[in-house]
């Protein structure tokens, strides 16, 4: 996206939100590639407003992943993730993907 496109009606705030969403989506896909390489079949909750961004199903277990691109989750969010009802063989993690190379 260019400065000309922003000047043509799109506000800077809207532009910044689009970049943040793009960056978050890229990091979620990066996490999915890592999980798939470890043998998980993954699904992504796009525009996630739920507890987990990625659910991975392995041959013997499940993986629940919350991907954070910018800020580490607040205490309330961490407690919500910890108290999420899941089977005992489910691993959960918060993936911190701040501008890491692909």
C-alpha atoms as a PDB file:
ATOM      1  CA  UNK A   1       0.000   0.000   0.000  1.00  0.00           C
ATOM      2  CA  UNK A   2       1.336   3.415  -0.898  1.00  0.00           C
ATOM      3  CA  UNK A   3       1.054   6.874   0.622  1.00  0.00           C
ATOM      4  CA  UNK A   4      -1.134   7.844  -2.321  1.00  0.00           C
ATOM      5  CA  UNK A   5      -3.619   5.128  -1.431  1.00  0.00           C
ATOM      6  CA  UNK A   6      -3.739   6.325   2.161  1.00  0.00           C
ATOM      7  CA  UNK A   7      -4.241   9.936   1.076  1.00  0.00           C
ATOM      8  CA  UNK A   8      -7.104   8.884  -1.191  1.00  0.00           C
ATOM      9  CA  UNK A   9      -9.494   8.493   1.707  1.00  0.00           C
ATOM     10  CA  UNK A  10      -8.109   5.871   4.036  1.00  0.00           C
ATOM     11  CA  UNK A  11      -7.236   7.174   7.472  1.00  0.00           C
ATOM     12  CA  UNK A  12      -3.877   6.485   9.095  1.00  0.00           C
ATOM     13  CA  UNK A  13      -5.618   4.591  11.904  1.00  0.00           C
ATOM     14  CA  UNK A  14      -7.349   2.314   9.427  1.00  0.00           C
ATOM     15  CA  UNK A  15      -4.057   1.800   7.597  1.00  0.00           C
ATOM     16  CA  UNK A  16      -2.273   0.905  10.863  1.00  0.00           C
ATOM     17  CA  UNK A  17      -4.997  -1.619  11.733  1.00  0.00           C
ATOM     18  CA  UNK A  18      -4.629  -3.279   8.328  1.00  0.00           C
ATOM     19  CA  UNK A  19      -0.877  -3.605   8.854  1.00  0.00           C
ATOM     20  CA  UNK A  20      -1.378  -5.045  12.364  1.00  0.00           C
ATOM     21  CA  UNK A  21      -3.890  -7.614  11.078  1.00  0.00           C
ATOM     22  CA  UNK A  22      -1.563  -8.565   8.226  1.00  0.00           C
ATOM     23  CA  UNK A  23       1.357  -8.997  10.639  1.00  0.00           C
ATOM     24  CA  UNK A  24      -0.753 -11.078  13.049  1.00  0.00           C
ATOM     25  CA  UNK A  25      -2.020 -13.287  10.232  1.00  0.00           C
ATOM     26  CA  UNK A  26       1.526 -13.800   8.935  1.00  0.00           C
ATOM     27  CA  UNK A  27       2.715 -14.877  12.382  1.00  0.00           C
ATOM     28  CA  UNK A  28      -0.231 -17.231  12.853  1.00  0.00           C
ATOM     29  CA  UNK A  29       0.622 -18.899   9.526  1.00  0.00           C
ATOM     30  CA  UNK A  30       4.260 -19.153  10.611  1.00  0.00           C
ATOM     31  CA  UNK A  31       3.149 -20.940  13.789  1.00  0.00           C
ATOM     32  CA  UNK A  32       0.944 -23.265  11.745  1.00  0.00           C
ATOM     33  CA  UNK A  33       3.913 -24.218   9.545  1.00  0.00           C
ATOM     34  CA  UNK A  34       5.925 -25.099  12.663  1.00  0.00           C
ATOM     35  CA  UNK A  35       3.102 -27.212  14.073  1.00  0.00           C
ATOM     36  CA  UNK A  36       2.519 -28.973  10.750  1.00  0.00           C
ATOM     37  CA  UNK A  37       6.233 -29.763  10.537  1.00  0.00           C
ATOM     38  CA  UNK A  38       5.854 -31.413  13.963  1.00  0.00           C
ATOM     39  CA  UNK A  39       3.022 -33.583  12.625  1.00  0.00           C
ATOM     40  CA  UNK A  40      -0.087 -31.632  13.631  1.00  0.00           C
ATOM     41  CA  UNK A  41      -3.098 -30.942  11.422  1.00  0.00           C
ATOM     42  CA  UNK A  42      -4.016 -27.316  12.152  1.00  0.00           C
ATOM     43  CA  UNK A  43      -6.929 -24.965  11.876  1.00  0.00           C
ATOM     44  CA  UNK A  44      -6.807 -21.218  12.388  1.00  0.00           C
ATOM     45  CA  UNK A  45      -9.532 -19.057  13.889  1.00  0.00           C
ATOM     46  CA  UNK A  46      -9.341 -16.055  11.544  1.00  0.00           C
ATOM     47  CA  UNK A  47     -10.150 -12.695  13.164  1.00  0.00           C
ATOM     48  CA  UNK A  48      -9.958 -14.574  16.416  1.00  0.00           C
ATOM     49  CA  UNK A  49     -11.868 -13.151  19.318  1.00  0.00           C
ATOM     50  CA  UNK A  50     -11.804 -16.532  21.016  1.00  0.00           C
ATOM     51  CA  UNK A  51      -9.335 -17.981  23.500  1.00  0.00           C
ATOM     52  CA  UNK A  52      -7.102 -19.763  20.964  1.00  0.00           C
ATOM     53  CA  UNK A  53      -5.844 -18.700  17.535  1.00  0.00           C
ATOM     54  CA  UNK A  54      -4.705 -22.137  16.350  1.00  0.00           C
ATOM     55  CA  UNK A  55      -5.869 -25.648  17.170  1.00  0.00           C
ATOM     56  CA  UNK A  56      -3.511 -28.463  16.221  1.00  0.00           C
ATOM     57  CA  UNK A  57      -4.522 -32.131  16.207  1.00  0.00           C
ATOM     58  CA  UNK A  58      -1.717 -34.646  16.525  1.00  0.00           C
ATOM     59  CA  UNK A  59      -1.776 -38.431  16.519  1.00  0.00           C
ATOM     60  CA  UNK A  60      -1.705 -38.606  20.338  1.00  0.00           C
ATOM     61  CA  UNK A  61      -2.508 -35.094  21.554  1.00  0.00           C
ATOM     62  CA  UNK A  62      -3.862 -31.633  20.778  1.00  0.00           C
ATOM     63  CA  UNK A  63      -2.153 -28.239  20.737  1.00  0.00           C
ATOM     64  CA  UNK A  64      -3.915 -24.979  21.583  1.00  0.00           C
ATOM     65  CA  UNK A  65      -1.923 -21.900  20.556  1.00  0.00           C
ATOM     66  CA  UNK A  66      -2.436 -18.192  21.195  1.00  0.00           C
ATOM     67  CA  UNK A  67      -0.131 -16.164  18.911  1.00  0.00           C
ATOM     68  CA  UNK A  68       1.029 -12.774  20.147  1.00  0.00           C
ATOM     69  CA  UNK A  69       2.772 -10.463  17.714  1.00  0.00           C
ATOM     70  CA  UNK A  70       3.089  -7.265  19.700  1.00  0.00           C
ATOM     71  CA  UNK A  71       2.225  -7.416  23.410  1.00  0.00           C
ATOM     72  CA  UNK A  72       2.449 -10.282  25.858  1.00  0.00           C
ATOM     73  CA  UNK A  73      -1.090 -11.121  27.059  1.00  0.00           C
ATOM     74  CA  UNK A  74      -2.469  -9.394  30.126  1.00  0.00           C
ATOM     75  CA  UNK A  75      -2.840 -11.334  33.369  1.00  0.00           C
ATOM     76  CA  UNK A  76      -6.608 -11.693  32.836  1.00  0.00           C
ATOM     77  CA  UNK A  77      -6.073 -13.226  29.396  1.00  0.00           C
ATOM     78  CA  UNK A  78      -3.454 -15.658  30.716  1.00  0.00           C
ATOM     79  CA  UNK A  79      -5.827 -16.775  33.478  1.00  0.00           C
ATOM     80  CA  UNK A  80      -8.582 -17.248  30.887  1.00  0.00           C
ATOM     81  CA  UNK A  81      -6.281 -19.451  28.792  1.00  0.00           C
ATOM     82  CA  UNK A  82      -5.182 -21.473  31.845  1.00  0.00           C
ATOM     83  CA  UNK A  83      -8.769 -22.127  32.902  1.00  0.00           C
ATOM     84  CA  UNK A  84      -9.877 -23.183  29.408  1.00  0.00           C
ATOM     85  CA  UNK A  85     -11.540 -26.623  29.635  1.00  0.00           C
ATOM     86  CA  UNK A  86      -9.479 -29.080  27.573  1.00  0.00           C
ATOM     87  CA  UNK A  87      -8.660 -32.807  27.699  1.00  0.00           C
ATOM     88  CA  UNK A  88      -5.615 -33.773  29.788  1.00  0.00           C
ATOM     89  CA  UNK A  89      -3.501 -34.643  26.728  1.00  0.00           C
ATOM     90  CA  UNK A  90      -3.862 -31.099  25.377  1.00  0.00           C
ATOM     91  CA  UNK A  91      -0.812 -28.856  25.359  1.00  0.00           C
ATOM     92  CA  UNK A  92      -1.319 -25.117  25.393  1.00  0.00           C
ATOM     93  CA  UNK A  93       1.133 -22.372  24.592  1.00  0.00           C
ATOM     94  CA  UNK A  94       1.482 -18.714  23.854  1.00  0.00           C
ATOM     95  CA  UNK A  95       3.658 -18.137  20.799  1.00  0.00           C
ATOM     96  CA  UNK A  96       5.566 -14.852  20.895  1.00  0.00           C
ATOM     97  CA  UNK A  97       6.410 -14.023  17.269  1.00  0.00           C
ATOM     98  CA  UNK A  98       7.775 -10.496  17.363  1.00  0.00           C
ATOM     99  CA  UNK A  99       9.310  -9.816  13.956  1.00  0.00           C
ATOM    100  CA  UNK A 100      11.170 -13.106  13.760  1.00  0.00           C
ATOM    101  CA  UNK A 101      12.624 -14.144  10.423  1.00  0.00           C
ATOM    102  CA  UNK A 102      10.612 -16.662   8.429  1.00  0.00           C
END
